[in-house]
């Protein structure tokens, strides 16, 4: 799943990190990447280390393989 997570604080039109994590858990998605991440979130590695297993921040150049 790819889902936006703008920052840690609430926002009027984007999910914050806690909301995005909750949605992934609710849907029981095995792998999730968070996009549209603001510089207010913090350092990429530090945020990734704080996320639950199977969830991470996306990055420029991220590619997905498709299987037929």
PDB file of N, CA and C in Angstrom:
ATOM      1  N   UNK A   1       0.842  -1.156   0.000  1.00  0.00           N
ATOM      2  CA  UNK A   1       0.000   0.000   0.000  1.00  0.00           C
ATOM      3  C   UNK A   1       0.897   1.233   0.000  1.00  0.00           C
ATOM      4  N   UNK A   2       0.473   2.248  -0.726  1.00  0.00           N
ATOM      5  CA  UNK A   2       1.156   3.540  -0.715  1.00  0.00           C
ATOM      6  C   UNK A   2       0.148   4.553  -0.191  1.00  0.00           C
ATOM      7  N   UNK A   3       0.540   5.283   0.836  1.00  0.00           N
ATOM      8  CA  UNK A   3      -0.373   6.184   1.535  1.00  0.00           C
ATOM      9  C   UNK A   3       0.390   7.428   1.962  1.00  0.00           C
ATOM     10  N   UNK A   4      -0.268   8.584   1.914  1.00  0.00           N
ATOM     11  CA  UNK A   4       0.427   9.801   2.348  1.00  0.00           C
ATOM     12  C   UNK A   4       0.472   9.893   3.868  1.00  0.00           C
ATOM     13  N   UNK A   5       1.525  10.500   4.357  1.00  0.00           N
ATOM     14  CA  UNK A   5       1.704  10.753   5.788  1.00  0.00           C
ATOM     15  C   UNK A   5       2.552  12.015   5.887  1.00  0.00           C
ATOM     16  N   UNK A   6       1.906  13.137   5.859  1.00  0.00           N
ATOM     17  CA  UNK A   6       2.592  14.418   5.714  1.00  0.00           C
ATOM     18  C   UNK A   6       3.551  14.743   6.862  1.00  0.00           C
ATOM     19  N   UNK A   7       3.071  14.572   8.065  1.00  0.00           N
ATOM     20  CA  UNK A   7       3.876  14.966   9.233  1.00  0.00           C
ATOM     21  C   UNK A   7       3.315  14.272  10.473  1.00  0.00           C
ATOM     22  N   UNK A   8       3.852  14.547  11.628  1.00  0.00           N
ATOM     23  CA  UNK A   8       3.360  13.929  12.868  1.00  0.00           C
ATOM     24  C   UNK A   8       2.112  14.640  13.397  1.00  0.00           C
ATOM     25  N   UNK A   9       2.029  15.936  13.166  1.00  0.00           N
ATOM     26  CA  UNK A   9       0.891  16.717  13.646  1.00  0.00           C
ATOM     27  C   UNK A   9      -0.283  16.593  12.675  1.00  0.00           C
ATOM     28  N   UNK A  10      -1.482  16.890  13.166  1.00  0.00           N
ATOM     29  CA  UNK A  10      -2.682  16.849  12.328  1.00  0.00           C
ATOM     30  C   UNK A  10      -2.587  17.855  11.194  1.00  0.00           C
ATOM     31  N   UNK A  11      -3.267  17.542  10.098  1.00  0.00           N
ATOM     32  CA  UNK A  11      -3.324  18.415   8.930  1.00  0.00           C
ATOM     33  C   UNK A  11      -4.735  18.373   8.380  1.00  0.00           C
ATOM     34  N   UNK A  12      -5.173  19.465   7.776  1.00  0.00           N
ATOM     35  CA  UNK A  12      -6.541  19.574   7.298  1.00  0.00           C
ATOM     36  C   UNK A  12      -6.858  18.647   6.120  1.00  0.00           C
ATOM     37  N   UNK A  13      -5.872  18.325   5.288  1.00  0.00           N
ATOM     38  CA  UNK A  13      -6.189  17.560   4.078  1.00  0.00           C
ATOM     39  C   UNK A  13      -5.271  16.359   3.815  1.00  0.00           C
ATOM     40  N   UNK A  14      -4.394  16.015   4.742  1.00  0.00           N
ATOM     41  CA  UNK A  14      -3.509  14.860   4.591  1.00  0.00           C
ATOM     42  C   UNK A  14      -3.519  14.049   5.876  1.00  0.00           C
ATOM     43  N   UNK A  15      -3.211  12.772   5.750  1.00  0.00           N
ATOM     44  CA  UNK A  15      -3.049  11.957   6.948  1.00  0.00           C
ATOM     45  C   UNK A  15      -1.770  12.354   7.668  1.00  0.00           C
ATOM     46  N   UNK A  16      -1.799  12.286   9.002  1.00  0.00           N
ATOM     47  CA  UNK A  16      -0.541  12.411   9.735  1.00  0.00           C
ATOM     48  C   UNK A  16       0.008  10.990   9.919  1.00  0.00           C
ATOM     49  N   UNK A  17       1.163  10.854  10.497  1.00  0.00           N
ATOM     50  CA  UNK A  17       1.812   9.550  10.589  1.00  0.00           C
ATOM     51  C   UNK A  17       0.983   8.549  11.393  1.00  0.00           C
ATOM     52  N   UNK A  18       0.448   8.970  12.522  1.00  0.00           N
ATOM     53  CA  UNK A  18      -0.360   8.060  13.341  1.00  0.00           C
ATOM     54  C   UNK A  18      -1.601   7.580  12.601  1.00  0.00           C
ATOM     55  N   UNK A  19      -2.250   8.479  11.868  1.00  0.00           N
ATOM     56  CA  UNK A  19      -3.434   8.092  11.095  1.00  0.00           C
ATOM     57  C   UNK A  19      -3.080   7.080  10.009  1.00  0.00           C
ATOM     58  N   UNK A  20      -1.971   7.318   9.317  1.00  0.00           N
ATOM     59  CA  UNK A  20      -1.551   6.413   8.251  1.00  0.00           C
ATOM     60  C   UNK A  20      -1.217   5.028   8.815  1.00  0.00           C
ATOM     61  N   UNK A  21      -0.501   4.990   9.915  1.00  0.00           N
ATOM     62  CA  UNK A  21      -0.163   3.709  10.557  1.00  0.00           C
ATOM     63  C   UNK A  21      -1.441   2.986  10.973  1.00  0.00           C
ATOM     64  N   UNK A  22      -2.402   3.705  11.524  1.00  0.00           N
ATOM     65  CA  UNK A  22      -3.671   3.099  11.953  1.00  0.00           C
ATOM     66  C   UNK A  22      -4.436   2.490  10.784  1.00  0.00           C
ATOM     67  N   UNK A  23      -4.442   3.173   9.649  1.00  0.00           N
ATOM     68  CA  UNK A  23      -5.132   2.650   8.464  1.00  0.00           C
ATOM     69  C   UNK A  23      -4.471   1.367   7.982  1.00  0.00           C
ATOM     70  N   UNK A  24      -3.151   1.354   7.935  1.00  0.00           N
ATOM     71  CA  UNK A  24      -2.434   0.151   7.504  1.00  0.00           C
ATOM     72  C   UNK A  24      -2.743  -1.006   8.441  1.00  0.00           C
ATOM     73  N   UNK A  25      -2.747  -0.754   9.733  1.00  0.00           N
ATOM     74  CA  UNK A  25      -3.056  -1.810  10.707  1.00  0.00           C
ATOM     75  C   UNK A  25      -4.496  -2.288  10.550  1.00  0.00           C
ATOM     76  N   UNK A  26      -5.429  -1.353  10.413  1.00  0.00           N
ATOM     77  CA  UNK A  26      -6.852  -1.696  10.285  1.00  0.00           C
ATOM     78  C   UNK A  26      -7.104  -2.580   9.061  1.00  0.00           C
ATOM     79  N   UNK A  27      -6.424  -2.275   7.968  1.00  0.00           N
ATOM     80  CA  UNK A  27      -6.602  -3.043   6.738  1.00  0.00           C
ATOM     81  C   UNK A  27      -5.718  -4.287   6.679  1.00  0.00           C
ATOM     82  N   UNK A  28      -4.856  -4.443   7.676  1.00  0.00           N
ATOM     83  CA  UNK A  28      -3.941  -5.592   7.765  1.00  0.00           C
ATOM     84  C   UNK A  28      -3.104  -5.743   6.498  1.00  0.00           C
ATOM     85  N   UNK A  29      -2.585  -4.628   6.022  1.00  0.00           N
ATOM     86  CA  UNK A  29      -1.743  -4.620   4.828  1.00  0.00           C
ATOM     87  C   UNK A  29      -0.335  -5.081   5.239  1.00  0.00           C
ATOM     88  N   UNK A  30       0.251  -6.044   4.513  1.00  0.00           N
ATOM     89  CA  UNK A  30       1.555  -6.563   4.922  1.00  0.00           C
ATOM     90  C   UNK A  30       2.737  -5.623   4.661  1.00  0.00           C
ATOM     91  N   UNK A  31       2.592  -4.702   3.691  1.00  0.00           N
ATOM     92  CA  UNK A  31       3.692  -3.780   3.360  1.00  0.00           C
ATOM     93  C   UNK A  31       3.110  -2.441   2.988  1.00  0.00           C
ATOM     94  N   UNK A  32       3.636  -1.368   3.588  1.00  0.00           N
ATOM     95  CA  UNK A  32       3.143  -0.022   3.303  1.00  0.00           C
ATOM     96  C   UNK A  32       4.301   0.962   3.215  1.00  0.00           C
ATOM     97  N   UNK A  33       4.170   1.876   2.267  1.00  0.00           N
ATOM     98  CA  UNK A  33       5.126   2.964   2.088  1.00  0.00           C
ATOM     99  C   UNK A  33       4.379   4.276   2.246  1.00  0.00           C
ATOM    100  N   UNK A  34       4.944   5.196   3.016  1.00  0.00           N
ATOM    101  CA  UNK A  34       4.324   6.499   3.235  1.00  0.00           C
ATOM    102  C   UNK A  34       4.991   7.552   2.361  1.00  0.00           C
ATOM    103  N   UNK A  35       4.172   8.323   1.670  1.00  0.00           N
ATOM    104  CA  UNK A  35       4.652   9.332   0.733  1.00  0.00           C
ATOM    105  C   UNK A  35       4.189  10.719   1.157  1.00  0.00           C
ATOM    106  N   UNK A  36       4.555  11.716   0.368  1.00  0.00           N
ATOM    107  CA  UNK A  36       4.194  13.116   0.596  1.00  0.00           C
ATOM    108  C   UNK A  36       4.652  13.540   1.994  1.00  0.00           C
ATOM    109  N   UNK A  37       5.866  13.163   2.328  1.00  0.00           N
ATOM    110  CA  UNK A  37       6.420  13.373   3.661  1.00  0.00           C
ATOM    111  C   UNK A  37       7.081  14.749   3.742  1.00  0.00           C
ATOM    112  N   UNK A  38       6.700  15.521   4.732  1.00  0.00           N
ATOM    113  CA  UNK A  38       7.256  16.856   4.954  1.00  0.00           C
ATOM    114  C   UNK A  38       8.596  16.772   5.674  1.00  0.00           C
ATOM    115  N   UNK A  39       9.399  17.804   5.504  1.00  0.00           N
ATOM    116  CA  UNK A  39      10.654  17.886   6.253  1.00  0.00           C
ATOM    117  C   UNK A  39      10.388  17.976   7.755  1.00  0.00           C
ATOM    118  N   UNK A  40       9.157  18.320   8.137  1.00  0.00           N
ATOM    119  CA  UNK A  40       8.788  18.405   9.548  1.00  0.00           C
ATOM    120  C   UNK A  40       8.711  17.029  10.217  1.00  0.00           C
ATOM    121  N   UNK A  41       8.711  15.973   9.417  1.00  0.00           N
ATOM    122  CA  UNK A  41       8.608  14.614   9.961  1.00  0.00           C
ATOM    123  C   UNK A  41       9.863  14.241  10.739  1.00  0.00           C
ATOM    124  N   UNK A  42      11.006  14.683  10.265  1.00  0.00           N
ATOM    125  CA  UNK A  42      12.263  14.319  10.897  1.00  0.00           C
ATOM    126  C   UNK A  42      13.157  13.594   9.914  1.00  0.00           C
ATOM    127  N   UNK A  43      14.241  13.048  10.395  1.00  0.00           N
ATOM    128  CA  UNK A  43      15.191  12.358   9.537  1.00  0.00           C
ATOM    129  C   UNK A  43      14.641  11.000   9.098  1.00  0.00           C
ATOM    130  N   UNK A  44      14.853  10.690   7.827  1.00  0.00           N
ATOM    131  CA  UNK A  44      14.300   9.485   7.200  1.00  0.00           C
ATOM    132  C   UNK A  44      14.621   8.221   7.993  1.00  0.00           C
ATOM    133  N   UNK A  45      15.870   8.003   8.307  1.00  0.00           N
ATOM    134  CA  UNK A  45      16.276   6.785   9.014  1.00  0.00           C
ATOM    135  C   UNK A  45      15.651   6.712  10.404  1.00  0.00           C
ATOM    136  N   UNK A  46      15.627   7.826  11.113  1.00  0.00           N
ATOM    137  CA  UNK A  46      15.060   7.831  12.467  1.00  0.00           C
ATOM    138  C   UNK A  46      13.564   7.520  12.443  1.00  0.00           C
ATOM    139  N   UNK A  47      12.859   8.092  11.477  1.00  0.00           N
ATOM    140  CA  UNK A  47      11.421   7.823  11.371  1.00  0.00           C
ATOM    141  C   UNK A  47      11.201   6.357  11.016  1.00  0.00           C
ATOM    142  N   UNK A  48      11.944   5.836  10.042  1.00  0.00           N
ATOM    143  CA  UNK A  48      11.799   4.429   9.649  1.00  0.00           C
ATOM    144  C   UNK A  48      12.029   3.497  10.828  1.00  0.00           C
ATOM    145  N   UNK A  49      13.000   3.789  11.653  1.00  0.00           N
ATOM    146  CA  UNK A  49      13.298   2.943  12.811  1.00  0.00           C
ATOM    147  C   UNK A  49      12.165   2.956  13.835  1.00  0.00           C
ATOM    148  N   UNK A  50      11.338   4.002  13.816  1.00  0.00           N
ATOM    149  CA  UNK A  50      10.233   4.107  14.769  1.00  0.00           C
ATOM    150  C   UNK A  50       8.939   3.467  14.257  1.00  0.00           C
ATOM    151  N   UNK A  51       8.918   3.084  12.988  1.00  0.00           N
ATOM    152  CA  UNK A  51       7.698   2.542  12.393  1.00  0.00           C
ATOM    153  C   UNK A  51       7.553   1.047  12.661  1.00  0.00           C
ATOM    154  N   UNK A  52       6.301   0.572  12.704  1.00  0.00           N
ATOM    155  CA  UNK A  52       6.071  -0.865  12.882  1.00  0.00           C
ATOM    156  C   UNK A  52       6.630  -1.670  11.704  1.00  0.00           C
ATOM    157  N   UNK A  53       6.844  -2.943  11.933  1.00  0.00           N
ATOM    158  CA  UNK A  53       7.339  -3.860  10.925  1.00  0.00           C
ATOM    159  C   UNK A  53       6.444  -3.821   9.681  1.00  0.00           C
ATOM    160  N   UNK A  54       7.052  -3.743   8.509  1.00  0.00           N
ATOM    161  CA  UNK A  54       6.306  -3.721   7.249  1.00  0.00           C
ATOM    162  C   UNK A  54       5.923  -2.338   6.779  1.00  0.00           C
ATOM    163  N   UNK A  55       6.282  -1.313   7.551  1.00  0.00           N
ATOM    164  CA  UNK A  55       5.959   0.062   7.173  1.00  0.00           C
ATOM    165  C   UNK A  55       7.238   0.882   7.093  1.00  0.00           C
ATOM    166  N   UNK A  56       7.310   1.765   6.080  1.00  0.00           N
ATOM    167  CA  UNK A  56       8.471   2.641   5.960  1.00  0.00           C
ATOM    168  C   UNK A  56       8.124   3.858   5.124  1.00  0.00           C
ATOM    169  N   UNK A  57       8.966   4.860   5.242  1.00  0.00           N
ATOM    170  CA  UNK A  57       8.832   6.028   4.391  1.00  0.00           C
ATOM    171  C   UNK A  57       9.313   5.657   2.997  1.00  0.00           C
ATOM    172  N   UNK A  58       8.630   6.152   1.986  1.00  0.00           N
ATOM    173  CA  UNK A  58       9.085   5.958   0.607  1.00  0.00           C
ATOM    174  C   UNK A  58      10.284   6.879   0.370  1.00  0.00           C
ATOM    175  N   UNK A  59      10.937   6.713  -0.767  1.00  0.00           N
ATOM    176  CA  UNK A  59      12.078   7.556  -1.113  1.00  0.00           C
ATOM    177  C   UNK A  59      12.100   7.784  -2.606  1.00  0.00           C
ATOM    178  N   UNK A  60      12.773   8.834  -3.010  1.00  0.00           N
ATOM    179  CA  UNK A  60      12.903   9.142  -4.429  1.00  0.00           C
ATOM    180  C   UNK A  60      13.567   7.973  -5.146  1.00  0.00           C
ATOM    181  N   UNK A  61      12.981   7.551  -6.245  1.00  0.00           N
ATOM    182  CA  UNK A  61      13.532   6.462  -7.026  1.00  0.00           C
ATOM    183  C   UNK A  61      13.040   5.082  -6.615  1.00  0.00           C
ATOM    184  N   UNK A  62      12.170   5.003  -5.610  1.00  0.00           N
ATOM    185  CA  UNK A  62      11.626   3.717  -5.177  1.00  0.00           C
ATOM    186  C   UNK A  62      10.882   3.072  -6.350  1.00  0.00           C
ATOM    187  N   UNK A  63      11.154   1.794  -6.590  1.00  0.00           N
ATOM    188  CA  UNK A  63      10.479   1.063  -7.661  1.00  0.00           C
ATOM    189  C   UNK A  63       9.886  -0.226  -7.092  1.00  0.00           C
ATOM    190  N   UNK A  64       8.805  -0.669  -7.708  1.00  0.00           N
ATOM    191  CA  UNK A  64       8.153  -1.906  -7.308  1.00  0.00           C
ATOM    192  C   UNK A  64       8.239  -2.898  -8.449  1.00  0.00           C
ATOM    193  N   UNK A  65       8.442  -4.153  -8.111  1.00  0.00           N
ATOM    194  CA  UNK A  65       8.429  -5.211  -9.105  1.00  0.00           C
ATOM    195  C   UNK A  65       7.015  -5.764  -9.187  1.00  0.00           C
ATOM    196  N   UNK A  66       6.576  -6.058 -10.387  1.00  0.00           N
ATOM    197  CA  UNK A  66       5.263  -6.694 -10.544  1.00  0.00           C
ATOM    198  C   UNK A  66       5.479  -8.135 -10.965  1.00  0.00           C
ATOM    199  N   UNK A  67       4.622  -8.980 -10.488  1.00  0.00           N
ATOM    200  CA  UNK A  67       4.706 -10.405 -10.810  1.00  0.00           C
ATOM    201  C   UNK A  67       3.426 -10.814 -11.500  1.00  0.00           C
ATOM    202  N   UNK A  68       3.544 -11.499 -12.601  1.00  0.00           N
ATOM    203  CA  UNK A  68       2.357 -11.943 -13.356  1.00  0.00           C
ATOM    204  C   UNK A  68       1.903 -13.306 -12.903  1.00  0.00           C
TER     205      UNK A  68
END
